[in-house]
């Protein structure tokens, strides 16, 4: 069986498939940072907006159009989808850590 690392081909399985789309999502990130934190380095302010699926749906309604800030609504859909997925994965990992910790504690009793 291949190693887990080989089963996650970031370059050949994502970046090479969608180079222009990834660049546009990166531009979306930069534009959002300029809008909300022009004076700070590029970062994801996780406190700024947590309604990723609602925002994704609002942008999806306008897919194919350019938003007032010059960013494609489809890029904002992709950004929101990635944000939602990232948070899901982090929650799952945290749940796994908590579950494993409880299991170990119960075995030690």
PDB file of N, CA and C in Angstrom:
ATOM      1  N   UNK A   1       0.840  -1.186   0.000  1.00  0.00           N
ATOM      2  CA  UNK A   1       0.000   0.000   0.000  1.00  0.00           C
ATOM      3  C   UNK A   1       0.886   1.250   0.000  1.00  0.00           C
ATOM      4  N   UNK A   2       0.462   2.239  -0.780  1.00  0.00           N
ATOM      5  CA  UNK A   2       1.221   3.489  -0.840  1.00  0.00           C
ATOM      6  C   UNK A   2       1.131   4.220   0.488  1.00  0.00           C
ATOM      7  N   UNK A   3       2.130   5.038   0.719  1.00  0.00           N
ATOM      8  CA  UNK A   3       2.096   5.840   1.942  1.00  0.00           C
ATOM      9  C   UNK A   3       0.971   6.868   1.842  1.00  0.00           C
ATOM     10  N   UNK A   4       0.518   7.324   2.981  1.00  0.00           N
ATOM     11  CA  UNK A   4      -0.549   8.325   3.030  1.00  0.00           C
ATOM     12  C   UNK A   4      -0.151   9.579   2.264  1.00  0.00           C
ATOM     13  N   UNK A   5       1.116   9.952   2.364  1.00  0.00           N
ATOM     14  CA  UNK A   5       1.610  11.147   1.671  1.00  0.00           C
ATOM     15  C   UNK A   5       1.393  11.028   0.164  1.00  0.00           C
ATOM     16  N   UNK A   6       1.646   9.859  -0.387  1.00  0.00           N
ATOM     17  CA  UNK A   6       1.491   9.656  -1.831  1.00  0.00           C
ATOM     18  C   UNK A   6       0.022   9.663  -2.249  1.00  0.00           C
ATOM     19  N   UNK A   7      -0.865   9.441  -1.316  1.00  0.00           N
ATOM     20  CA  UNK A   7      -2.290   9.433  -1.611  1.00  0.00           C
ATOM     21  C   UNK A   7      -2.902  10.830  -1.555  1.00  0.00           C
ATOM     22  N   UNK A   8      -2.063  11.837  -1.328  1.00  0.00           N
ATOM     23  CA  UNK A   8      -2.509  13.236  -1.289  1.00  0.00           C
ATOM     24  C   UNK A   8      -1.628  14.061  -2.221  1.00  0.00           C
ATOM     25  N   UNK A   9      -1.782  13.873  -3.532  1.00  0.00           N
ATOM     26  CA  UNK A   9      -0.912  14.550  -4.503  1.00  0.00           C
ATOM     27  C   UNK A   9      -1.297  16.023  -4.707  1.00  0.00           C
ATOM     28  N   UNK A  10      -0.848  16.876  -3.837  1.00  0.00           N
ATOM     29  CA  UNK A  10      -1.234  18.288  -3.870  1.00  0.00           C
ATOM     30  C   UNK A  10      -0.871  18.934  -5.206  1.00  0.00           C
ATOM     31  N   UNK A  11       0.361  18.724  -5.657  1.00  0.00           N
ATOM     32  CA  UNK A  11       0.784  19.353  -6.911  1.00  0.00           C
ATOM     33  C   UNK A  11       0.127  18.700  -8.111  1.00  0.00           C
ATOM     34  N   UNK A  12       0.344  17.400  -8.274  1.00  0.00           N
ATOM     35  CA  UNK A  12      -0.146  16.735  -9.492  1.00  0.00           C
ATOM     36  C   UNK A  12      -1.653  16.487  -9.472  1.00  0.00           C
ATOM     37  N   UNK A  13      -2.262  16.452  -8.295  1.00  0.00           N
ATOM     38  CA  UNK A  13      -3.683  16.165  -8.210  1.00  0.00           C
ATOM     39  C   UNK A  13      -4.576  17.368  -8.011  1.00  0.00           C
ATOM     40  N   UNK A  14      -3.976  18.527  -7.731  1.00  0.00           N
ATOM     41  CA  UNK A  14      -4.791  19.738  -7.548  1.00  0.00           C
ATOM     42  C   UNK A  14      -4.201  20.909  -8.330  1.00  0.00           C
ATOM     43  N   UNK A  15      -2.978  21.302  -7.982  1.00  0.00           N
ATOM     44  CA  UNK A  15      -2.393  22.491  -8.601  1.00  0.00           C
ATOM     45  C   UNK A  15      -2.248  22.350 -10.119  1.00  0.00           C
ATOM     46  N   UNK A  16      -1.853  21.180 -10.588  1.00  0.00           N
ATOM     47  CA  UNK A  16      -1.709  20.979 -12.035  1.00  0.00           C
ATOM     48  C   UNK A  16      -3.064  20.890 -12.729  1.00  0.00           C
ATOM     49  N   UNK A  17      -4.082  20.436 -12.027  1.00  0.00           N
ATOM     50  CA  UNK A  17      -5.426  20.350 -12.614  1.00  0.00           C
ATOM     51  C   UNK A  17      -6.058  21.734 -12.763  1.00  0.00           C
ATOM     52  N   UNK A  18      -5.878  22.573 -11.748  1.00  0.00           N
ATOM     53  CA  UNK A  18      -6.625  23.826 -11.659  1.00  0.00           C
ATOM     54  C   UNK A  18      -5.730  25.039 -11.405  1.00  0.00           C
ATOM     55  N   UNK A  19      -4.669  25.236 -12.165  1.00  0.00           N
ATOM     56  CA  UNK A  19      -3.741  26.326 -11.828  1.00  0.00           C
ATOM     57  C   UNK A  19      -4.388  27.706 -11.860  1.00  0.00           C
ATOM     58  N   UNK A  20      -5.185  27.981 -12.857  1.00  0.00           N
ATOM     59  CA  UNK A  20      -5.813  29.302 -12.963  1.00  0.00           C
ATOM     60  C   UNK A  20      -6.845  29.511 -11.863  1.00  0.00           C
ATOM     61  N   UNK A  21      -7.600  28.470 -11.558  1.00  0.00           N
ATOM     62  CA  UNK A  21      -8.618  28.567 -10.508  1.00  0.00           C
ATOM     63  C   UNK A  21      -7.959  28.790  -9.143  1.00  0.00           C
ATOM     64  N   UNK A  22      -6.880  28.075  -8.880  1.00  0.00           N
ATOM     65  CA  UNK A  22      -6.177  28.238  -7.598  1.00  0.00           C
ATOM     66  C   UNK A  22      -5.619  29.661  -7.483  1.00  0.00           C
ATOM     67  N   UNK A  23      -5.072  30.164  -8.585  1.00  0.00           N
ATOM     68  CA  UNK A  23      -4.552  31.540  -8.570  1.00  0.00           C
ATOM     69  C   UNK A  23      -5.682  32.539  -8.293  1.00  0.00           C
ATOM     70  N   UNK A  24      -6.849  32.290  -8.834  1.00  0.00           N
ATOM     71  CA  UNK A  24      -7.977  33.197  -8.615  1.00  0.00           C
ATOM     72  C   UNK A  24      -8.479  33.128  -7.173  1.00  0.00           C
ATOM     73  N   UNK A  25      -8.477  31.946  -6.583  1.00  0.00           N
ATOM     74  CA  UNK A  25      -8.862  31.822  -5.171  1.00  0.00           C
ATOM     75  C   UNK A  25      -7.823  32.519  -4.296  1.00  0.00           C
ATOM     76  N   UNK A  26      -6.545  32.409  -4.655  1.00  0.00           N
ATOM     77  CA  UNK A  26      -5.495  33.117  -3.907  1.00  0.00           C
ATOM     78  C   UNK A  26      -5.691  34.627  -4.007  1.00  0.00           C
ATOM     79  N   UNK A  27      -6.067  35.106  -5.200  1.00  0.00           N
ATOM     80  CA  UNK A  27      -6.357  36.538  -5.378  1.00  0.00           C
ATOM     81  C   UNK A  27      -7.549  36.949  -4.524  1.00  0.00           C
ATOM     82  N   UNK A  28      -8.553  36.087  -4.438  1.00  0.00           N
ATOM     83  CA  UNK A  28      -9.723  36.324  -3.598  1.00  0.00           C
ATOM     84  C   UNK A  28      -9.286  36.476  -2.136  1.00  0.00           C
ATOM     85  N   UNK A  29      -8.386  35.618  -1.677  1.00  0.00           N
ATOM     86  CA  UNK A  29      -7.864  35.718  -0.308  1.00  0.00           C
ATOM     87  C   UNK A  29      -7.177  37.056  -0.092  1.00  0.00           C
ATOM     88  N   UNK A  30      -6.338  37.422  -1.039  1.00  0.00           N
ATOM     89  CA  UNK A  30      -5.591  38.683  -0.923  1.00  0.00           C
ATOM     90  C   UNK A  30      -6.543  39.872  -0.895  1.00  0.00           C
ATOM     91  N   UNK A  31      -7.536  39.871  -1.797  1.00  0.00           N
ATOM     92  CA  UNK A  31      -8.492  40.982  -1.847  1.00  0.00           C
ATOM     93  C   UNK A  31      -9.289  41.077  -0.538  1.00  0.00           C
ATOM     94  N   UNK A  32      -9.674  39.934   0.016  1.00  0.00           N
ATOM     95  CA  UNK A  32     -10.395  39.935   1.293  1.00  0.00           C
ATOM     96  C   UNK A  32      -9.542  40.497   2.414  1.00  0.00           C
ATOM     97  N   UNK A  33      -8.260  40.155   2.406  1.00  0.00           N
ATOM     98  CA  UNK A  33      -7.346  40.683   3.423  1.00  0.00           C
ATOM     99  C   UNK A  33      -7.196  42.196   3.258  1.00  0.00           C
ATOM    100  N   UNK A  34      -7.114  42.662   2.034  1.00  0.00           N
ATOM    101  CA  UNK A  34      -7.015  44.099   1.773  1.00  0.00           C
ATOM    102  C   UNK A  34      -8.265  44.819   2.270  1.00  0.00           C
ATOM    103  N   UNK A  35      -9.413  44.187   2.087  1.00  0.00           N
ATOM    104  CA  UNK A  35     -10.677  44.791   2.494  1.00  0.00           C
ATOM    105  C   UNK A  35     -10.798  44.861   4.020  1.00  0.00           C
ATOM    106  N   UNK A  36     -10.412  43.811   4.708  1.00  0.00           N
ATOM    107  CA  UNK A  36     -10.650  43.737   6.146  1.00  0.00           C
ATOM    108  C   UNK A  36      -9.434  44.076   7.005  1.00  0.00           C
ATOM    109  N   UNK A  37      -8.213  43.859   6.473  1.00  0.00           N
ATOM    110  CA  UNK A  37      -6.998  44.055   7.268  1.00  0.00           C
ATOM    111  C   UNK A  37      -5.865  44.572   6.383  1.00  0.00           C
ATOM    112  N   UNK A  38      -6.105  45.674   5.729  1.00  0.00           N
ATOM    113  CA  UNK A  38      -5.126  46.219   4.782  1.00  0.00           C
ATOM    114  C   UNK A  38      -3.752  46.445   5.426  1.00  0.00           C
ATOM    115  N   UNK A  39      -3.755  46.727   6.706  1.00  0.00           N
ATOM    116  CA  UNK A  39      -2.509  47.054   7.410  1.00  0.00           C
ATOM    117  C   UNK A  39      -1.794  45.830   7.977  1.00  0.00           C
ATOM    118  N   UNK A  40      -2.351  44.629   7.767  1.00  0.00           N
ATOM    119  CA  UNK A  40      -1.753  43.417   8.334  1.00  0.00           C
ATOM    120  C   UNK A  40      -1.351  42.452   7.221  1.00  0.00           C
ATOM    121  N   UNK A  41      -0.399  41.557   7.518  1.00  0.00           N
ATOM    122  CA  UNK A  41      -0.017  40.539   6.536  1.00  0.00           C
ATOM    123  C   UNK A  41      -1.207  39.638   6.201  1.00  0.00           C
ATOM    124  N   UNK A  42      -1.143  38.999   5.062  1.00  0.00           N
ATOM    125  CA  UNK A  42      -2.199  38.096   4.627  1.00  0.00           C
ATOM    126  C   UNK A  42      -2.419  37.012   5.678  1.00  0.00           C
ATOM    127  N   UNK A  43      -3.673  36.889   6.118  1.00  0.00           N
ATOM    128  CA  UNK A  43      -4.033  35.862   7.088  1.00  0.00           C
ATOM    129  C   UNK A  43      -5.535  35.633   7.026  1.00  0.00           C
ATOM    130  N   UNK A  44      -5.973  34.484   7.510  1.00  0.00           N
ATOM    131  CA  UNK A  44      -7.395  34.150   7.573  1.00  0.00           C
ATOM    132  C   UNK A  44      -7.907  34.575   8.940  1.00  0.00           C
ATOM    133  N   UNK A  45      -8.701  35.617   8.967  1.00  0.00           N
ATOM    134  CA  UNK A  45      -9.321  36.072  10.210  1.00  0.00           C
ATOM    135  C   UNK A  45     -10.570  35.220  10.427  1.00  0.00           C
ATOM    136  N   UNK A  46     -10.425  34.185  11.193  1.00  0.00           N
ATOM    137  CA  UNK A  46     -11.504  33.214  11.392  1.00  0.00           C
ATOM    138  C   UNK A  46     -12.673  33.798  12.183  1.00  0.00           C
ATOM    139  N   UNK A  47     -12.477  34.932  12.812  1.00  0.00           N
ATOM    140  CA  UNK A  47     -13.560  35.571  13.558  1.00  0.00           C
ATOM    141  C   UNK A  47     -14.410  36.480  12.683  1.00  0.00           C
ATOM    142  N   UNK A  48     -13.949  36.758  11.480  1.00  0.00           N
ATOM    143  CA  UNK A  48     -14.624  37.730  10.624  1.00  0.00           C
ATOM    144  C   UNK A  48     -15.973  37.223  10.121  1.00  0.00           C
ATOM    145  N   UNK A  49     -16.042  35.987   9.674  1.00  0.00           N
ATOM    146  CA  UNK A  49     -17.276  35.450   9.110  1.00  0.00           C
ATOM    147  C   UNK A  49     -17.269  33.934   9.257  1.00  0.00           C
ATOM    148  N   UNK A  50     -18.314  33.396   9.836  1.00  0.00           N
ATOM    149  CA  UNK A  50     -18.384  31.954  10.054  1.00  0.00           C
ATOM    150  C   UNK A  50     -19.549  31.293   9.333  1.00  0.00           C
ATOM    151  N   UNK A  51     -20.259  32.044   8.522  1.00  0.00           N
ATOM    152  CA  UNK A  51     -21.413  31.489   7.803  1.00  0.00           C
ATOM    153  C   UNK A  51     -20.987  31.044   6.403  1.00  0.00           C
ATOM    154  N   UNK A  52     -19.994  30.165   6.349  1.00  0.00           N
ATOM    155  CA  UNK A  52     -19.393  29.802   5.062  1.00  0.00           C
ATOM    156  C   UNK A  52     -20.396  29.216   4.077  1.00  0.00           C
ATOM    157  N   UNK A  53     -21.278  28.339   4.520  1.00  0.00           N
ATOM    158  CA  UNK A  53     -22.205  27.722   3.580  1.00  0.00           C
ATOM    159  C   UNK A  53     -23.260  28.710   3.092  1.00  0.00           C
ATOM    160  N   UNK A  54     -23.728  29.593   3.972  1.00  0.00           N
ATOM    161  CA  UNK A  54     -24.673  30.619   3.532  1.00  0.00           C
ATOM    162  C   UNK A  54     -24.008  31.583   2.559  1.00  0.00           C
ATOM    163  N   UNK A  55     -22.785  32.008   2.878  1.00  0.00           N
ATOM    164  CA  UNK A  55     -22.061  32.921   1.980  1.00  0.00           C
ATOM    165  C   UNK A  55     -21.760  32.236   0.653  1.00  0.00           C
ATOM    166  N   UNK A  56     -21.375  30.970   0.711  1.00  0.00           N
ATOM    167  CA  UNK A  56     -21.119  30.209  -0.509  1.00  0.00           C
ATOM    168  C   UNK A  56     -22.368  30.207  -1.387  1.00  0.00           C
ATOM    169  N   UNK A  57     -23.525  29.940  -0.780  1.00  0.00           N
ATOM    170  CA  UNK A  57     -24.776  29.888  -1.537  1.00  0.00           C
ATOM    171  C   UNK A  57     -25.119  31.249  -2.141  1.00  0.00           C
ATOM    172  N   UNK A  58     -24.885  32.331  -1.379  1.00  0.00           N
ATOM    173  CA  UNK A  58     -25.154  33.676  -1.921  1.00  0.00           C
ATOM    174  C   UNK A  58     -24.279  33.948  -3.138  1.00  0.00           C
ATOM    175  N   UNK A  59     -23.005  33.576  -3.049  1.00  0.00           N
ATOM    176  CA  UNK A  59     -22.106  33.784  -4.193  1.00  0.00           C
ATOM    177  C   UNK A  59     -22.442  32.840  -5.342  1.00  0.00           C
ATOM    178  N   UNK A  60     -22.897  31.639  -5.015  1.00  0.00           N
ATOM    179  CA  UNK A  60     -23.256  30.666  -6.047  1.00  0.00           C
ATOM    180  C   UNK A  60     -24.402  31.178  -6.924  1.00  0.00           C
ATOM    181  N   UNK A  61     -25.328  31.907  -6.310  1.00  0.00           N
ATOM    182  CA  UNK A  61     -26.448  32.485  -7.061  1.00  0.00           C
ATOM    183  C   UNK A  61     -25.924  33.419  -8.149  1.00  0.00           C
ATOM    184  N   UNK A  62     -24.771  34.065  -7.911  1.00  0.00           N
ATOM    185  CA  UNK A  62     -24.203  35.009  -8.870  1.00  0.00           C
ATOM    186  C   UNK A  62     -22.988  34.434  -9.598  1.00  0.00           C
ATOM    187  N   UNK A  63     -22.851  33.111  -9.595  1.00  0.00           N
ATOM    188  CA  UNK A  63     -21.731  32.472 -10.303  1.00  0.00           C
ATOM    189  C   UNK A  63     -21.709  32.938 -11.753  1.00  0.00           C
ATOM    190  N   UNK A  64     -20.516  33.179 -12.245  1.00  0.00           N
ATOM    191  CA  UNK A  64     -20.350  33.680 -13.612  1.00  0.00           C
ATOM    192  C   UNK A  64     -20.275  35.191 -13.673  1.00  0.00           C
ATOM    193  N   UNK A  65     -20.536  35.844 -12.562  1.00  0.00           N
ATOM    194  CA  UNK A  65     -20.487  37.305 -12.507  1.00  0.00           C
ATOM    195  C   UNK A  65     -19.292  37.755 -11.677  1.00  0.00           C
ATOM    196  N   UNK A  66     -18.953  39.032 -11.821  1.00  0.00           N
ATOM    197  CA  UNK A  66     -17.878  39.651 -11.050  1.00  0.00           C
ATOM    198  C   UNK A  66     -18.510  40.473  -9.933  1.00  0.00           C
ATOM    199  N   UNK A  67     -18.004  40.319  -8.707  1.00  0.00           N
ATOM    200  CA  UNK A  67     -18.518  41.071  -7.562  1.00  0.00           C
ATOM    201  C   UNK A  67     -18.028  42.522  -7.649  1.00  0.00           C
ATOM    202  N   UNK A  68     -18.578  43.379  -6.797  1.00  0.00           N
ATOM    203  CA  UNK A  68     -18.227  44.807  -6.793  1.00  0.00           C
ATOM    204  C   UNK A  68     -16.743  45.058  -6.562  1.00  0.00           C
ATOM    205  N   UNK A  69     -16.066  44.143  -5.878  1.00  0.00           N
ATOM    206  CA  UNK A  69     -14.641  44.312  -5.593  1.00  0.00           C
ATOM    207  C   UNK A  69     -13.742  43.781  -6.707  1.00  0.00           C
ATOM    208  N   UNK A  70     -14.349  43.320  -7.800  1.00  0.00           N
ATOM    209  CA  UNK A  70     -13.577  42.823  -8.937  1.00  0.00           C
ATOM    210  C   UNK A  70     -13.224  41.353  -8.866  1.00  0.00           C
ATOM    211  N   UNK A  71     -13.694  40.668  -7.840  1.00  0.00           N
ATOM    212  CA  UNK A  71     -13.417  39.239  -7.675  1.00  0.00           C
ATOM    213  C   UNK A  71     -14.624  38.443  -8.172  1.00  0.00           C
ATOM    214  N   UNK A  72     -14.337  37.380  -8.874  1.00  0.00           N
ATOM    215  CA  UNK A  72     -15.414  36.524  -9.376  1.00  0.00           C
ATOM    216  C   UNK A  72     -16.180  35.896  -8.214  1.00  0.00           C
ATOM    217  N   UNK A  73     -17.497  35.863  -8.343  1.00  0.00           N
ATOM    218  CA  UNK A  73     -18.299  35.186  -7.333  1.00  0.00           C
ATOM    219  C   UNK A  73     -17.904  33.710  -7.260  1.00  0.00           C
ATOM    220  N   UNK A  74     -17.552  33.102  -8.380  1.00  0.00           N
ATOM    221  CA  UNK A  74     -17.143  31.693  -8.367  1.00  0.00           C
ATOM    222  C   UNK A  74     -15.873  31.481  -7.562  1.00  0.00           C
ATOM    223  N   UNK A  75     -14.963  32.448  -7.554  1.00  0.00           N
ATOM    224  CA  UNK A  75     -13.758  32.349  -6.720  1.00  0.00           C
ATOM    225  C   UNK A  75     -14.147  32.417  -5.246  1.00  0.00           C
ATOM    226  N   UNK A  76     -15.134  33.240  -4.943  1.00  0.00           N
ATOM    227  CA  UNK A  76     -15.601  33.341  -3.560  1.00  0.00           C
ATOM    228  C   UNK A  76     -16.325  32.061  -3.138  1.00  0.00           C
ATOM    229  N   UNK A  77     -17.022  31.423  -4.071  1.00  0.00           N
ATOM    230  CA  UNK A  77     -17.633  30.120  -3.790  1.00  0.00           C
ATOM    231  C   UNK A  77     -16.550  29.118  -3.428  1.00  0.00           C
ATOM    232  N   UNK A  78     -15.495  29.074  -4.240  1.00  0.00           N
ATOM    233  CA  UNK A  78     -14.395  28.133  -3.997  1.00  0.00           C
ATOM    234  C   UNK A  78     -13.713  28.424  -2.668  1.00  0.00           C
ATOM    235  N   UNK A  79     -13.472  29.704  -2.378  1.00  0.00           N
ATOM    236  CA  UNK A  79     -12.823  30.076  -1.111  1.00  0.00           C
ATOM    237  C   UNK A  79     -13.666  29.617   0.071  1.00  0.00           C
ATOM    238  N   UNK A  80     -14.973  29.889  -0.004  1.00  0.00           N
ATOM    239  CA  UNK A  80     -15.872  29.500   1.086  1.00  0.00           C
ATOM    240  C   UNK A  80     -15.956  27.984   1.221  1.00  0.00           C
ATOM    241  N   UNK A  81     -15.938  27.273   0.100  1.00  0.00           N
ATOM    242  CA  UNK A  81     -15.960  25.806   0.149  1.00  0.00           C
ATOM    243  C   UNK A  81     -14.698  25.283   0.826  1.00  0.00           C
ATOM    244  N   UNK A  82     -13.551  25.863   0.491  1.00  0.00           N
ATOM    245  CA  UNK A  82     -12.295  25.456   1.129  1.00  0.00           C
ATOM    246  C   UNK A  82     -12.295  25.789   2.614  1.00  0.00           C
ATOM    247  N   UNK A  83     -12.809  26.958   2.972  1.00  0.00           N
ATOM    248  CA  UNK A  83     -12.877  27.347   4.389  1.00  0.00           C
ATOM    249  C   UNK A  83     -13.755  26.365   5.159  1.00  0.00           C
ATOM    250  N   UNK A  84     -14.906  26.043   4.593  1.00  0.00           N
ATOM    251  CA  UNK A  84     -15.813  25.107   5.244  1.00  0.00           C
ATOM    252  C   UNK A  84     -15.159  23.735   5.400  1.00  0.00           C
ATOM    253  N   UNK A  85     -14.514  23.250   4.347  1.00  0.00           N
ATOM    254  CA  UNK A  85     -13.849  21.948   4.398  1.00  0.00           C
ATOM    255  C   UNK A  85     -12.726  21.945   5.431  1.00  0.00           C
ATOM    256  N   UNK A  86     -11.941  23.011   5.470  1.00  0.00           N
ATOM    257  CA  UNK A  86     -10.850  23.110   6.440  1.00  0.00           C
ATOM    258  C   UNK A  86     -11.389  23.002   7.859  1.00  0.00           C
ATOM    259  N   UNK A  87     -12.451  23.727   8.144  1.00  0.00           N
ATOM    260  CA  UNK A  87     -13.028  23.697   9.488  1.00  0.00           C
ATOM    261  C   UNK A  87     -13.626  22.331   9.817  1.00  0.00           C
ATOM    262  N   UNK A  88     -14.263  21.695   8.832  1.00  0.00           N
ATOM    263  CA  UNK A  88     -14.789  20.343   9.042  1.00  0.00           C
ATOM    264  C   UNK A  88     -13.670  19.381   9.410  1.00  0.00           C
ATOM    265  N   UNK A  89     -12.569  19.445   8.657  1.00  0.00           N
ATOM    266  CA  UNK A  89     -11.442  18.550   8.904  1.00  0.00           C
ATOM    267  C   UNK A  89     -10.818  18.812  10.269  1.00  0.00           C
ATOM    268  N   UNK A  90     -10.709  20.091  10.638  1.00  0.00           N
ATOM    269  CA  UNK A  90     -10.159  20.425  11.956  1.00  0.00           C
ATOM    270  C   UNK A  90     -11.058  19.919  13.075  1.00  0.00           C
ATOM    271  N   UNK A  91     -12.378  20.065  12.895  1.00  0.00           N
ATOM    272  CA  UNK A  91     -13.312  19.565  13.914  1.00  0.00           C
ATOM    273  C   UNK A  91     -13.231  18.044  14.016  1.00  0.00           C
ATOM    274  N   UNK A  92     -13.145  17.383  12.867  1.00  0.00           N
ATOM    275  CA  UNK A  92     -13.045  15.916  12.871  1.00  0.00           C
ATOM    276  C   UNK A  92     -11.767  15.469  13.564  1.00  0.00           C
ATOM    277  N   UNK A  93     -10.671  16.153  13.291  1.00  0.00           N
ATOM    278  CA  UNK A  93      -9.406  15.823  13.940  1.00  0.00           C
ATOM    279  C   UNK A  93      -9.509  16.058  15.444  1.00  0.00           C
ATOM    280  N   UNK A  94     -10.110  17.162  15.839  1.00  0.00           N
ATOM    281  CA  UNK A  94     -10.278  17.454  17.267  1.00  0.00           C
ATOM    282  C   UNK A  94     -11.180  16.415  17.925  1.00  0.00           C
ATOM    283  N   UNK A  95     -12.259  16.047  17.237  1.00  0.00           N
ATOM    284  CA  UNK A  95     -13.154  15.012  17.770  1.00  0.00           C
ATOM    285  C   UNK A  95     -12.416  13.695  17.922  1.00  0.00           C
ATOM    286  N   UNK A  96     -11.573  13.368  16.966  1.00  0.00           N
ATOM    287  CA  UNK A  96     -10.787  12.140  17.011  1.00  0.00           C
ATOM    288  C   UNK A  96      -9.818  12.164  18.189  1.00  0.00           C
ATOM    289  N   UNK A  97      -9.190  13.296  18.410  1.00  0.00           N
ATOM    290  CA  UNK A  97      -8.257  13.431  19.541  1.00  0.00           C
ATOM    291  C   UNK A  97      -9.008  13.253  20.853  1.00  0.00           C
ATOM    292  N   UNK A  98     -10.156  13.903  20.978  1.00  0.00           N
ATOM    293  CA  UNK A  98     -10.952  13.807  22.204  1.00  0.00           C
ATOM    294  C   UNK A  98     -11.441  12.375  22.397  1.00  0.00           C
ATOM    295  N   UNK A  99     -11.939  11.741  21.339  1.00  0.00           N
ATOM    296  CA  UNK A  99     -12.430  10.364  21.425  1.00  0.00           C
ATOM    297  C   UNK A  99     -11.314   9.414  21.820  1.00  0.00           C
ATOM    298  N   UNK A 100     -10.154   9.558  21.178  1.00  0.00           N
ATOM    299  CA  UNK A 100      -9.016   8.697  21.512  1.00  0.00           C
ATOM    300  C   UNK A 100      -8.558   8.915  22.942  1.00  0.00           C
ATOM    301  N   UNK A 101      -8.587  10.151  23.391  1.00  0.00           N
ATOM    302  CA  UNK A 101      -8.189  10.459  24.760  1.00  0.00           C
ATOM    303  C   UNK A 101      -9.146   9.813  25.763  1.00  0.00           C
ATOM    304  N   UNK A 102     -10.447   9.883  25.482  1.00  0.00           N
ATOM    305  CA  UNK A 102     -11.440   9.268  26.370  1.00  0.00           C
ATOM    306  C   UNK A 102     -11.278   7.752  26.395  1.00  0.00           C
ATOM    307  N   UNK A 103     -11.027   7.169  25.232  1.00  0.00           N
ATOM    308  CA  UNK A 103     -10.844   5.728  25.143  1.00  0.00           C
ATOM    309  C   UNK A 103      -9.640   5.283  25.956  1.00  0.00           C
ATOM    310  N   UNK A 104      -8.544   6.015  25.851  1.00  0.00           N
ATOM    311  CA  UNK A 104      -7.329   5.683  26.625  1.00  0.00           C
ATOM    312  C   UNK A 104      -7.607   5.801  28.111  1.00  0.00           C
ATOM    313  N   UNK A 105      -8.315   6.838  28.516  1.00  0.00           N
ATOM    314  CA  UNK A 105      -8.633   7.049  29.933  1.00  0.00           C
ATOM    315  C   UNK A 105      -9.492   5.906  30.440  1.00  0.00           C
ATOM    316  N   UNK A 106     -10.473   5.496  29.653  1.00  0.00           N
ATOM    317  CA  UNK A 106     -11.367   4.413  30.070  1.00  0.00           C
ATOM    318  C   UNK A 106     -10.604   3.090  30.187  1.00  0.00           C
ATOM    319  N   UNK A 107      -9.646   2.847  29.303  1.00  0.00           N
ATOM    320  CA  UNK A 107      -8.854   1.622  29.370  1.00  0.00           C
ATOM    321  C   UNK A 107      -7.968   1.600  30.617  1.00  0.00           C
ATOM    322  N   UNK A 108      -7.529   2.769  31.038  1.00  0.00           N
ATOM    323  CA  UNK A 108      -6.654   2.850  32.201  1.00  0.00           C
ATOM    324  C   UNK A 108      -7.404   2.714  33.527  1.00  0.00           C
ATOM    325  N   UNK A 109      -8.732   2.792  33.480  1.00  0.00           N
ATOM    326  CA  UNK A 109      -9.509   2.698  34.713  1.00  0.00           C
ATOM    327  C   UNK A 109      -9.669   1.288  35.121  1.00  0.00           C
TER     328      UNK A 109
END
